[in-house]
Full PDB file with SEQRES, HELIX, SHEET, SSBOND, CRYST1, ORIGX, SCALE, CONECT and MASTER records, all heavy atoms in Angstrom:
SEQRES   1 A   41  GLY GLY SER LEU ARG LEU SER CYS ALA ALA SER HIS SER          
SEQRES   2 A   41  LEU ALA TYR MET ALA TRP PHE ARG GLN ALA PRO GLY LYS          
SEQRES   3 A   41  GLU ARG GLU GLY VAL ALA ALA ALA ILE ARG VAL GLY ASN          
SEQRES   4 A   41  SER ASN                                                      
SHEET    1 AA1 2 TYR A  16  ARG A  21  0                                        
SHEET    2 AA1 2 GLU A  29  ILE A  35 -1                                        
CRYST1    1.000    1.000    1.000  90.00  90.00  90.00 P 1           1          
ORIGX1      1.000000  0.000000  0.000000        0.00000                         
ORIGX2      0.000000  1.000000  0.000000        0.00000                         
ORIGX3      0.000000  0.000000  1.000000        0.00000                         
SCALE1      1.000000  0.000000  0.000000        0.00000                         
SCALE2      0.000000  1.000000  0.000000        0.00000                         
SCALE3      0.000000  0.000000  1.000000        0.00000                         
ATOM      1  N   GLY A   1      82.222 157.306  62.954  1.00  0.00           N  
ATOM      2  CA  GLY A   1      83.647 157.254  63.213  1.00  0.00           C  
ATOM      3  C   GLY A   1      84.007 157.531  64.653  1.00  0.00           C  
ATOM      4  O   GLY A   1      85.151 157.287  65.064  1.00  0.00           O  
ATOM      5  N   GLY A   2      83.051 158.007  65.423  1.00  0.00           N  
ATOM      6  CA  GLY A   2      83.286 158.315  66.817  1.00  0.00           C  
ATOM      7  C   GLY A   2      83.184 157.101  67.710  1.00  0.00           C  
ATOM      8  O   GLY A   2      82.972 155.977  67.247  1.00  0.00           O  
ATOM      9  N   SER A   3      83.322 157.334  69.011  1.00  0.00           N  
ATOM     10  CA  SER A   3      83.329 156.250  69.984  1.00  0.00           C  
ATOM     11  C   SER A   3      82.397 156.543  71.151  1.00  0.00           C  
ATOM     12  O   SER A   3      82.150 157.701  71.494  1.00  0.00           O  
ATOM     13  CB  SER A   3      84.743 156.026  70.529  1.00  0.00           C  
ATOM     14  OG  SER A   3      85.645 155.636  69.513  1.00  0.00           O  
ATOM     15  N   LEU A   4      81.908 155.482  71.743  1.00  0.00           N  
ATOM     16  CA  LEU A   4      81.122 155.547  72.960  1.00  0.00           C  
ATOM     17  C   LEU A   4      81.452 154.328  73.799  1.00  0.00           C  
ATOM     18  O   LEU A   4      81.824 153.284  73.261  1.00  0.00           O  
ATOM     19  CB  LEU A   4      79.617 155.558  72.676  1.00  0.00           C  
ATOM     20  CG  LEU A   4      78.984 156.838  72.139  1.00  0.00           C  
ATOM     21  CD1 LEU A   4      77.537 156.562  71.751  1.00  0.00           C  
ATOM     22  CD2 LEU A   4      79.056 157.950  73.177  1.00  0.00           C  
ATOM     23  N   ARG A   5      81.311 154.459  75.103  1.00  0.00           N  
ATOM     24  CA  ARG A   5      81.442 153.317  75.983  1.00  0.00           C  
ATOM     25  C   ARG A   5      80.181 153.179  76.810  1.00  0.00           C  
ATOM     26  O   ARG A   5      79.835 154.070  77.586  1.00  0.00           O  
ATOM     27  CB  ARG A   5      82.654 153.436  76.913  1.00  0.00           C  
ATOM     28  CG  ARG A   5      82.895 152.152  77.718  1.00  0.00           C  
ATOM     29  CD  ARG A   5      84.124 152.211  78.584  1.00  0.00           C  
ATOM     30  NE  ARG A   5      83.933 153.041  79.766  1.00  0.00           N  
ATOM     31  CZ  ARG A   5      84.678 152.966  80.858  1.00  0.00           C  
ATOM     32  NH1 ARG A   5      85.684 152.090  80.915  1.00  0.00           N  
ATOM     33  NH2 ARG A   5      84.447 153.780  81.875  1.00  0.00           N  
ATOM     34  N   LEU A   6      79.512 152.073  76.644  1.00  0.00           N  
ATOM     35  CA  LEU A   6      78.321 151.781  77.403  1.00  0.00           C  
ATOM     36  C   LEU A   6      78.677 151.031  78.673  1.00  0.00           C  
ATOM     37  O   LEU A   6      79.614 150.239  78.692  1.00  0.00           O  
ATOM     38  CB  LEU A   6      77.342 150.939  76.579  1.00  0.00           C  
ATOM     39  CG  LEU A   6      76.946 151.487  75.204  1.00  0.00           C  
ATOM     40  CD1 LEU A   6      75.921 150.566  74.559  1.00  0.00           C  
ATOM     41  CD2 LEU A   6      76.423 152.903  75.322  1.00  0.00           C  
ATOM     42  N   SER A   7      77.923 151.284  79.712  1.00  0.00           N  
ATOM     43  CA  SER A   7      78.110 150.592  80.974  1.00  0.00           C  
ATOM     44  C   SER A   7      76.815 149.909  81.383  1.00  0.00           C  
ATOM     45  O   SER A   7      75.728 150.436  81.147  1.00  0.00           O  
ATOM     46  CB  SER A   7      78.538 151.564  82.076  1.00  0.00           C  
ATOM     47  OG  SER A   7      79.774 152.163  81.781  1.00  0.00           O  
ATOM     48  N   CYS A   8      76.943 148.764  81.985  1.00  0.00           N  
ATOM     49  CA  CYS A   8      75.805 148.031  82.516  1.00  0.00           C  
ATOM     50  C   CYS A   8      76.097 147.714  83.967  1.00  0.00           C  
ATOM     51  O   CYS A   8      76.957 146.879  84.258  1.00  0.00           O  
ATOM     52  CB  CYS A   8      75.566 146.748  81.713  1.00  0.00           C  
ATOM     53  SG  CYS A   8      74.292 145.664  82.409  1.00  0.00           S  
ATOM     54  N   ALA A   9      75.407 148.394  84.852  1.00  0.00           N  
ATOM     55  CA  ALA A   9      75.556 148.153  86.281  1.00  0.00           C  
ATOM     56  C   ALA A   9      74.584 147.066  86.698  1.00  0.00           C  
ATOM     57  O   ALA A   9      73.377 147.216  86.534  1.00  0.00           O  
ATOM     58  CB  ALA A   9      75.296 149.434  87.065  1.00  0.00           C  
ATOM     59  N   ALA A  10      75.116 145.979  87.210  1.00  0.00           N  
ATOM     60  CA  ALA A  10      74.304 144.823  87.561  1.00  0.00           C  
ATOM     61  C   ALA A  10      74.259 144.621  89.064  1.00  0.00           C  
ATOM     62  O   ALA A  10      75.258 144.812  89.761  1.00  0.00           O  
ATOM     63  CB  ALA A  10      74.847 143.567  86.889  1.00  0.00           C  
ATOM     64  N   SER A  11      73.095 144.244  89.556  1.00  0.00           N  
ATOM     65  CA  SER A  11      72.980 143.913  90.962  1.00  0.00           C  
ATOM     66  C   SER A  11      73.731 142.630  91.282  1.00  0.00           C  
ATOM     67  O   SER A  11      74.217 142.441  92.395  1.00  0.00           O  
ATOM     68  CB  SER A  11      71.504 143.775  91.361  1.00  0.00           C  
ATOM     69  OG  SER A  11      70.871 142.756  90.613  1.00  0.00           O  
ATOM     70  N   HIS A  12      73.802 141.746  90.308  1.00  0.00           N  
ATOM     71  CA  HIS A  12      74.538 140.496  90.407  1.00  0.00           C  
ATOM     72  C   HIS A  12      75.194 140.222  89.066  1.00  0.00           C  
ATOM     73  O   HIS A  12      74.563 140.400  88.015  1.00  0.00           O  
ATOM     74  CB  HIS A  12      73.620 139.325  90.765  1.00  0.00           C  
ATOM     75  CG  HIS A  12      72.858 139.503  92.037  1.00  0.00           C  
ATOM     76  ND1 HIS A  12      71.720 140.288  92.117  1.00  0.00           N  
ATOM     77  CD2 HIS A  12      73.063 139.010  93.285  1.00  0.00           C  
ATOM     78  CE1 HIS A  12      71.265 140.263  93.350  1.00  0.00           C  
ATOM     79  NE2 HIS A  12      72.061 139.496  94.079  1.00  0.00           N  
ATOM     80  N   SER A  13      76.435 139.785  89.097  1.00  0.00           N  
ATOM     81  CA  SER A  13      77.134 139.427  87.875  1.00  0.00           C  
ATOM     82  C   SER A  13      76.951 137.936  87.627  1.00  0.00           C  
ATOM     83  O   SER A  13      77.370 137.109  88.434  1.00  0.00           O  
ATOM     84  CB  SER A  13      78.620 139.773  87.982  1.00  0.00           C  
ATOM     85  OG  SER A  13      79.292 139.484  86.779  1.00  0.00           O  
ATOM     86  N   LEU A  14      76.320 137.607  86.521  1.00  0.00           N  
ATOM     87  CA  LEU A  14      76.046 136.216  86.192  1.00  0.00           C  
ATOM     88  C   LEU A  14      77.059 135.686  85.183  1.00  0.00           C  
ATOM     89  O   LEU A  14      77.902 136.420  84.679  1.00  0.00           O  
ATOM     90  CB  LEU A  14      74.621 136.081  85.650  1.00  0.00           C  
ATOM     91  CG  LEU A  14      73.508 136.552  86.595  1.00  0.00           C  
ATOM     92  CD1 LEU A  14      72.150 136.245  86.001  1.00  0.00           C  
ATOM     93  CD2 LEU A  14      73.648 135.915  87.963  1.00  0.00           C  
ATOM     94  N   ALA A  15      76.939 134.383  84.910  1.00  0.00           N  
ATOM     95  CA  ALA A  15      77.914 133.721  84.048  1.00  0.00           C  
ATOM     96  C   ALA A  15      77.887 134.259  82.624  1.00  0.00           C  
ATOM     97  O   ALA A  15      78.910 134.253  81.939  1.00  0.00           O  
ATOM     98  CB  ALA A  15      77.681 132.217  84.043  1.00  0.00           C  
ATOM     99  N   TYR A  16      76.720 134.705  82.186  1.00  0.00           N  
ATOM    100  CA  TYR A  16      76.563 135.216  80.838  1.00  0.00           C  
ATOM    101  C   TYR A  16      76.094 136.658  80.909  1.00  0.00           C  
ATOM    102  O   TYR A  16      75.013 136.948  81.419  1.00  0.00           O  
ATOM    103  CB  TYR A  16      75.560 134.386  80.044  1.00  0.00           C  
ATOM    104  CG  TYR A  16      75.970 132.951  79.845  1.00  0.00           C  
ATOM    105  CD1 TYR A  16      75.728 132.007  80.821  1.00  0.00           C  
ATOM    106  CD2 TYR A  16      76.599 132.558  78.666  1.00  0.00           C  
ATOM    107  CE1 TYR A  16      76.105 130.690  80.643  1.00  0.00           C  
ATOM    108  CE2 TYR A  16      76.977 131.245  78.480  1.00  0.00           C  
ATOM    109  CZ  TYR A  16      76.731 130.313  79.466  1.00  0.00           C  
ATOM    110  OH  TYR A  16      77.107 129.008  79.281  1.00  0.00           O  
ATOM    111  N   MET A  17      76.899 137.560  80.405  1.00  0.00           N  
ATOM    112  CA  MET A  17      76.557 138.966  80.311  1.00  0.00           C  
ATOM    113  C   MET A  17      76.708 139.377  78.859  1.00  0.00           C  
ATOM    114  O   MET A  17      77.724 139.067  78.234  1.00  0.00           O  
ATOM    115  CB  MET A  17      77.461 139.813  81.208  1.00  0.00           C  
ATOM    116  CG  MET A  17      77.479 139.387  82.677  1.00  0.00           C  
ATOM    117  SD  MET A  17      75.891 139.643  83.524  1.00  0.00           S  
ATOM    118  CE  MET A  17      75.786 141.430  83.538  1.00  0.00           C  
ATOM    119  N   ALA A  18      75.714 140.057  78.343  1.00  0.00           N  
ATOM    120  CA  ALA A  18      75.718 140.337  76.920  1.00  0.00           C  
ATOM    121  C   ALA A  18      75.077 141.678  76.606  1.00  0.00           C  
ATOM    122  O   ALA A  18      74.361 142.260  77.427  1.00  0.00           O  
ATOM    123  CB  ALA A  18      74.988 139.226  76.156  1.00  0.00           C  
ATOM    124  N   TRP A  19      75.354 142.135  75.408  1.00  0.00           N  
ATOM    125  CA  TRP A  19      74.755 143.348  74.877  1.00  0.00           C  
ATOM    126  C   TRP A  19      73.956 143.013  73.629  1.00  0.00           C  
ATOM    127  O   TRP A  19      74.427 142.262  72.762  1.00  0.00           O  
ATOM    128  CB  TRP A  19      75.807 144.398  74.531  1.00  0.00           C  
ATOM    129  CG  TRP A  19      76.448 145.038  75.717  1.00  0.00           C  
ATOM    130  CD1 TRP A  19      77.609 144.672  76.321  1.00  0.00           C  
ATOM    131  CD2 TRP A  19      75.960 146.169  76.443  1.00  0.00           C  
ATOM    132  NE1 TRP A  19      77.882 145.503  77.376  1.00  0.00           N  
ATOM    133  CE2 TRP A  19      76.888 146.431  77.477  1.00  0.00           C  
ATOM    134  CE3 TRP A  19      74.837 146.989  76.317  1.00  0.00           C  
ATOM    135  CZ2 TRP A  19      76.716 147.479  78.386  1.00  0.00           C  
ATOM    136  CZ3 TRP A  19      74.667 148.030  77.217  1.00  0.00           C  
ATOM    137  CH2 TRP A  19      75.597 148.258  78.237  1.00  0.00           C  
ATOM    138  N   PHE A  20      72.782 143.581  73.550  1.00  0.00           N  
ATOM    139  CA  PHE A  20      71.925 143.446  72.389  1.00  0.00           C  
ATOM    140  C   PHE A  20      71.514 144.830  71.920  1.00  0.00           C  
ATOM    141  O   PHE A  20      71.654 145.813  72.644  1.00  0.00           O  
ATOM    142  CB  PHE A  20      70.682 142.611  72.712  1.00  0.00           C  
ATOM    143  CG  PHE A  20      70.997 141.193  73.083  1.00  0.00           C  
ATOM    144  CD1 PHE A  20      71.370 140.862  74.374  1.00  0.00           C  
ATOM    145  CD2 PHE A  20      70.926 140.184  72.131  1.00  0.00           C  
ATOM    146  CE1 PHE A  20      71.662 139.558  74.720  1.00  0.00           C  
ATOM    147  CE2 PHE A  20      71.219 138.870  72.465  1.00  0.00           C  
ATOM    148  CZ  PHE A  20      71.589 138.559  73.756  1.00  0.00           C  
ATOM    149  N   ARG A  21      70.998 144.907  70.727  1.00  0.00           N  
ATOM    150  CA  ARG A  21      70.516 146.184  70.222  1.00  0.00           C  
ATOM    151  C   ARG A  21      69.293 145.968  69.348  1.00  0.00           C  
ATOM    152  O   ARG A  21      69.102 144.907  68.768  1.00  0.00           O  
ATOM    153  CB  ARG A  21      71.603 146.922  69.442  1.00  0.00           C  
ATOM    154  CG  ARG A  21      72.029 146.258  68.145  1.00  0.00           C  
ATOM    155  CD  ARG A  21      73.221 146.992  67.540  1.00  0.00           C  
ATOM    156  NE  ARG A  21      73.637 146.418  66.268  1.00  0.00           N  
ATOM    157  CZ  ARG A  21      74.721 146.788  65.599  1.00  0.00           C  
ATOM    158  NH1 ARG A  21      75.507 147.751  66.094  1.00  0.00           N  
ATOM    159  NH2 ARG A  21      75.025 146.220  64.448  1.00  0.00           N  
ATOM    160  N   GLN A  22      68.487 147.003  69.283  1.00  0.00           N  
ATOM    161  CA  GLN A  22      67.292 146.937  68.471  1.00  0.00           C  
ATOM    162  C   GLN A  22      67.001 148.309  67.885  1.00  0.00           C  
ATOM    163  O   GLN A  22      66.850 149.285  68.616  1.00  0.00           O  
ATOM    164  CB  GLN A  22      66.100 146.448  69.290  1.00  0.00           C  
ATOM    165  CG  GLN A  22      64.851 146.211  68.467  1.00  0.00           C  
ATOM    166  CD  GLN A  22      63.784 145.464  69.239  1.00  0.00           C  
ATOM    167  OE1 GLN A  22      63.772 145.479  70.465  1.00  0.00           O  
ATOM    168  NE2 GLN A  22      62.896 144.803  68.524  1.00  0.00           N  
ATOM    169  N   ALA A  23      66.942 148.360  66.584  1.00  0.00           N  
ATOM    170  CA  ALA A  23      66.588 149.578  65.878  1.00  0.00           C  
ATOM    171  C   ALA A  23      65.104 149.533  65.539  1.00  0.00           C  
ATOM    172  O   ALA A  23      64.516 148.452  65.435  1.00  0.00           O  
ATOM    173  CB  ALA A  23      67.418 149.723  64.608  1.00  0.00           C  
ATOM    174  N   PRO A  24      64.473 150.684  65.370  1.00  0.00           N  
ATOM    175  CA  PRO A  24      63.050 150.709  65.031  1.00  0.00           C  
ATOM    176  C   PRO A  24      62.754 149.869  63.794  1.00  0.00           C  
ATOM    177  O   PRO A  24      63.442 149.985  62.776  1.00  0.00           O  
ATOM    178  CB  PRO A  24      62.775 152.186  64.778  1.00  0.00           C  
ATOM    179  CG  PRO A  24      63.784 152.894  65.615  1.00  0.00           C  
ATOM    180  CD  PRO A  24      65.024 152.042  65.523  1.00  0.00           C  
ATOM    181  N   GLY A  25      61.742 149.020  63.898  1.00  0.00           N  
ATOM    182  CA  GLY A  25      61.352 148.192  62.775  1.00  0.00           C  
ATOM    183  C   GLY A  25      62.216 146.974  62.548  1.00  0.00           C  
ATOM    184  O   GLY A  25      61.994 146.236  61.582  1.00  0.00           O  
ATOM    185  N   LYS A  26      63.195 146.745  63.402  1.00  0.00           N  
ATOM    186  CA  LYS A  26      64.083 145.608  63.244  1.00  0.00           C  
ATOM    187  C   LYS A  26      64.011 144.681  64.453  1.00  0.00           C  
ATOM    188  O   LYS A  26      63.567 145.075  65.527  1.00  0.00           O  
ATOM    189  CB  LYS A  26      65.526 146.067  63.048  1.00  0.00           C  
ATOM    190  CG  LYS A  26      65.768 146.871  61.777  1.00  0.00           C  
ATOM    191  CD  LYS A  26      67.235 147.201  61.607  1.00  0.00           C  
ATOM    192  CE  LYS A  26      67.491 147.958  60.322  1.00  0.00           C  
ATOM    193  NZ  LYS A  26      68.943 148.275  60.164  1.00  0.00           N  
ATOM    194  N   GLU A  27      64.449 143.456  64.252  1.00  0.00           N  
ATOM    195  CA  GLU A  27      64.504 142.497  65.335  1.00  0.00           C  
ATOM    196  C   GLU A  27      65.677 142.802  66.251  1.00  0.00           C  
ATOM    197  O   GLU A  27      66.682 143.379  65.832  1.00  0.00           O  
ATOM    198  CB  GLU A  27      64.630 141.078  64.785  1.00  0.00           C  
ATOM    199  CG  GLU A  27      63.455 140.622  63.940  1.00  0.00           C  
ATOM    200  CD  GLU A  27      62.196 140.468  64.760  1.00  0.00           C  
ATOM    201  OE1 GLU A  27      62.285 139.994  65.910  1.00  0.00           O  
ATOM    202  OE2 GLU A  27      61.126 140.820  64.252  1.00  0.00           O  
ATOM    203  N   ARG A  28      65.535 142.410  67.507  1.00  0.00           N  
ATOM    204  CA  ARG A  28      66.634 142.553  68.436  1.00  0.00           C  
ATOM    205  C   ARG A  28      67.759 141.604  68.041  1.00  0.00           C  
ATOM    206  O   ARG A  28      67.520 140.436  67.716  1.00  0.00           O  
ATOM    207  CB  ARG A  28      66.169 142.261  69.859  1.00  0.00           C  
ATOM    208  CG  ARG A  28      67.200 142.550  70.929  1.00  0.00           C  
ATOM    209  CD  ARG A  28      66.581 142.551  72.320  1.00  0.00           C  
ATOM    210  NE  ARG A  28      65.561 143.588  72.448  1.00  0.00           N  
ATOM    211  CZ  ARG A  28      64.977 143.917  73.600  1.00  0.00           C  
ATOM    212  NH1 ARG A  28      65.313 143.285  74.720  1.00  0.00           N  
ATOM    213  NH2 ARG A  28      64.057 144.862  73.620  1.00  0.00           N  
ATOM    214  N   GLU A  29      68.979 142.103  68.048  1.00  0.00           N  
ATOM    215  CA  GLU A  29      70.110 141.292  67.644  1.00  0.00           C  
ATOM    216  C   GLU A  29      71.218 141.321  68.689  1.00  0.00           C  
ATOM    217  O   GLU A  29      71.423 142.318  69.374  1.00  0.00           O  
ATOM    218  CB  GLU A  29      70.659 141.765  66.296  1.00  0.00           C  
ATOM    219  CG  GLU A  29      71.208 143.178  66.314  1.00  0.00           C  
ATOM    220  CD  GLU A  29      71.858 143.579  65.003  1.00  0.00           C  
ATOM    221  OE1 GLU A  29      72.193 142.682  64.199  1.00  0.00           O  
ATOM    222  OE2 GLU A  29      72.026 144.796  64.772  1.00  0.00           O  
ATOM    223  N   GLY A  30      71.924 140.218  68.778  1.00  0.00           N  
ATOM    224  CA  GLY A  30      73.046 140.136  69.688  1.00  0.00           C  
ATOM    225  C   GLY A  30      74.231 140.928  69.173  1.00  0.00           C  
ATOM    226  O   GLY A  30      74.519 140.924  67.976  1.00  0.00           O  
ATOM    227  N   VAL A  31      74.921 141.599  70.070  1.00  0.00           N  
ATOM    228  CA  VAL A  31      76.082 142.411  69.724  1.00  0.00           C  
ATOM    229  C   VAL A  31      77.363 141.792  70.262  1.00  0.00           C  
ATOM    230  O   VAL A  31      78.326 141.580  69.521  1.00  0.00           O  
ATOM    231  CB  VAL A  31      75.930 143.844  70.251  1.00  0.00           C  
ATOM    232  CG1 VAL A  31      77.186 144.658  69.970  1.00  0.00           C  
ATOM    233  CG2 VAL A  31      74.708 144.515  69.630  1.00  0.00           C  
ATOM    234  N   ALA A  32      77.380 141.509  71.552  1.00  0.00           N  
ATOM    235  CA  ALA A  32      78.570 140.962  72.180  1.00  0.00           C  
ATOM    236  C   ALA A  32      78.184 140.251  73.461  1.00  0.00           C  
ATOM    237  O   ALA A  32      77.203 140.603  74.105  1.00  0.00           O  
ATOM    238  CB  ALA A  32      79.591 142.069  72.479  1.00  0.00           C  
ATOM    239  N   ALA A  33      78.966 139.258  73.841  1.00  0.00           N  
ATOM    240  CA  ALA A  33      78.720 138.514  75.064  1.00  0.00           C  
ATOM    241  C   ALA A  33      80.032 138.184  75.745  1.00  0.00           C  
ATOM    242  O   ALA A  33      81.039 137.913  75.076  1.00  0.00           O  
ATOM    243  CB  ALA A  33      77.937 137.233  74.778  1.00  0.00           C  
ATOM    244  N   ALA A  34      80.018 138.217  77.055  1.00  0.00           N  
ATOM    245  CA  ALA A  34      81.158 137.824  77.871  1.00  0.00           C  
ATOM    246  C   ALA A  34      80.736 136.639  78.719  1.00  0.00           C  
ATOM    247  O   ALA A  34      79.766 136.716  79.466  1.00  0.00           O  
ATOM    248  CB  ALA A  34      81.627 138.979  78.749  1.00  0.00           C  
ATOM    249  N   ILE A  35      81.473 135.551  78.602  1.00  0.00           N  
ATOM    250  CA  ILE A  35      81.129 134.301  79.250  1.00  0.00           C  
ATOM    251  C   ILE A  35      82.217 133.902  80.234  1.00  0.00           C  
ATOM    252  O   ILE A  35      83.404 134.013  79.927  1.00  0.00           O  
ATOM    253  CB  ILE A  35      80.940 133.174  78.214  1.00  0.00           C  
ATOM    254  CG1 ILE A  35      80.116 133.672  77.022  1.00  0.00           C  
ATOM    255  CG2 ILE A  35      80.299 131.952  78.858  1.00  0.00           C  
ATOM    256  CD1 ILE A  35      78.748 134.168  77.382  1.00  0.00           C  
ATOM    257  N   ARG A  36      81.806 133.419  81.394  1.00  0.00           N  
ATOM    258  CA  ARG A  36      82.768 132.922  82.373  1.00  0.00           C  
ATOM    259  C   ARG A  36      82.455 131.491  82.794  1.00  0.00           C  
ATOM    260  O   ARG A  36      82.759 131.084  83.906  1.00  0.00           O  
ATOM    261  CB  ARG A  36      82.852 133.843  83.590  1.00  0.00           C  
ATOM    262  CG  ARG A  36      81.562 134.040  84.353  1.00  0.00           C  
ATOM    263  CD  ARG A  36      81.782 135.021  85.492  1.00  0.00           C  
ATOM    264  NE  ARG A  36      80.629 135.139  86.348  1.00  0.00           N  
ATOM    265  CZ  ARG A  36      80.518 135.976  87.361  1.00  0.00           C  
ATOM    266  NH1 ARG A  36      81.531 136.794  87.637  1.00  0.00           N  
ATOM    267  NH2 ARG A  36      79.416 136.008  88.089  1.00  0.00           N  
ATOM    268  N   VAL A  37      81.845 130.737  81.915  1.00  0.00           N  
ATOM    269  CA  VAL A  37      81.608 129.315  82.103  1.00  0.00           C  
ATOM    270  C   VAL A  37      82.724 128.562  81.404  1.00  0.00           C  
ATOM    271  O   VAL A  37      82.943 128.757  80.203  1.00  0.00           O  
ATOM    272  CB  VAL A  37      80.240 128.891  81.548  1.00  0.00           C  
ATOM    273  CG1 VAL A  37      80.080 127.388  81.624  1.00  0.00           C  
ATOM    274  CG2 VAL A  37      79.130 129.593  82.303  1.00  0.00           C  
ATOM    275  N   GLY A  38      83.414 127.705  82.146  1.00  0.00           N  
ATOM    276  CA  GLY A  38      84.560 127.033  81.576  1.00  0.00           C  
ATOM    277  C   GLY A  38      85.637 128.054  81.273  1.00  0.00           C  
ATOM    278  O   GLY A  38      85.972 128.888  82.109  1.00  0.00           O  
ATOM    279  N   ASN A  39      86.160 128.001  80.086  1.00  0.00           N  
ATOM    280  CA  ASN A  39      87.125 128.996  79.658  1.00  0.00           C  
ATOM    281  C   ASN A  39      86.403 130.298  79.327  1.00  0.00           C  
ATOM    282  O   ASN A  39      85.556 130.334  78.436  1.00  0.00           O  
ATOM    283  CB  ASN A  39      87.898 128.507  78.436  1.00  0.00           C  
ATOM    284  CG  ASN A  39      88.776 127.317  78.735  1.00  0.00           C  
ATOM    285  OD1 ASN A  39      89.296 127.187  79.843  1.00  0.00           O  
ATOM    286  ND2 ASN A  39      88.952 126.441  77.763  1.00  0.00           N  
ATOM    287  N   SER A  40      86.728 131.337  80.067  1.00  0.00           N  
ATOM    288  CA  SER A  40      86.115 132.636  79.815  1.00  0.00           C  
ATOM    289  C   SER A  40      86.378 133.051  78.382  1.00  0.00           C  
ATOM    290  O   SER A  40      87.476 132.863  77.852  1.00  0.00           O  
ATOM    291  CB  SER A  40      86.660 133.673  80.786  1.00  0.00           C  
ATOM    292  OG  SER A  40      86.340 133.343  82.113  1.00  0.00           O  
ATOM    293  N   ASN A  41      85.367 133.627  77.776  1.00  0.00           N  
ATOM    294  CA  ASN A  41      85.491 133.990  76.380  1.00  0.00           C  
ATOM    295  C   ASN A  41      84.550 135.139  76.048  1.00  0.00           C  
ATOM    296  O   ASN A  41      83.645 135.452  76.819  1.00  0.00           O  
ATOM    297  CB  ASN A  41      85.186 132.793  75.487  1.00  0.00           C  
ATOM    298  CG  ASN A  41      86.091 132.731  74.277  1.00  0.00           C  
ATOM    299  OD1 ASN A  41      86.533 133.766  73.776  1.00  0.00           O  
ATOM    300  ND2 ASN A  41      86.364 131.520  73.800  1.00  0.00           N  
TER     301      ASN A  41                                                      
MASTER        0    0    0    0    2    0    0    6  300    1    0    4          
END                                                                             
């Protein structure tokens, strides 16, 4: 029920920036992505 804010400091900001997560014994999965190609989304 709590909150956290993660930060990703990048040397260069690219068109696709995303967050993934991986728990022990599980595959890495996509969480969220920010896109600035065409219409940002």
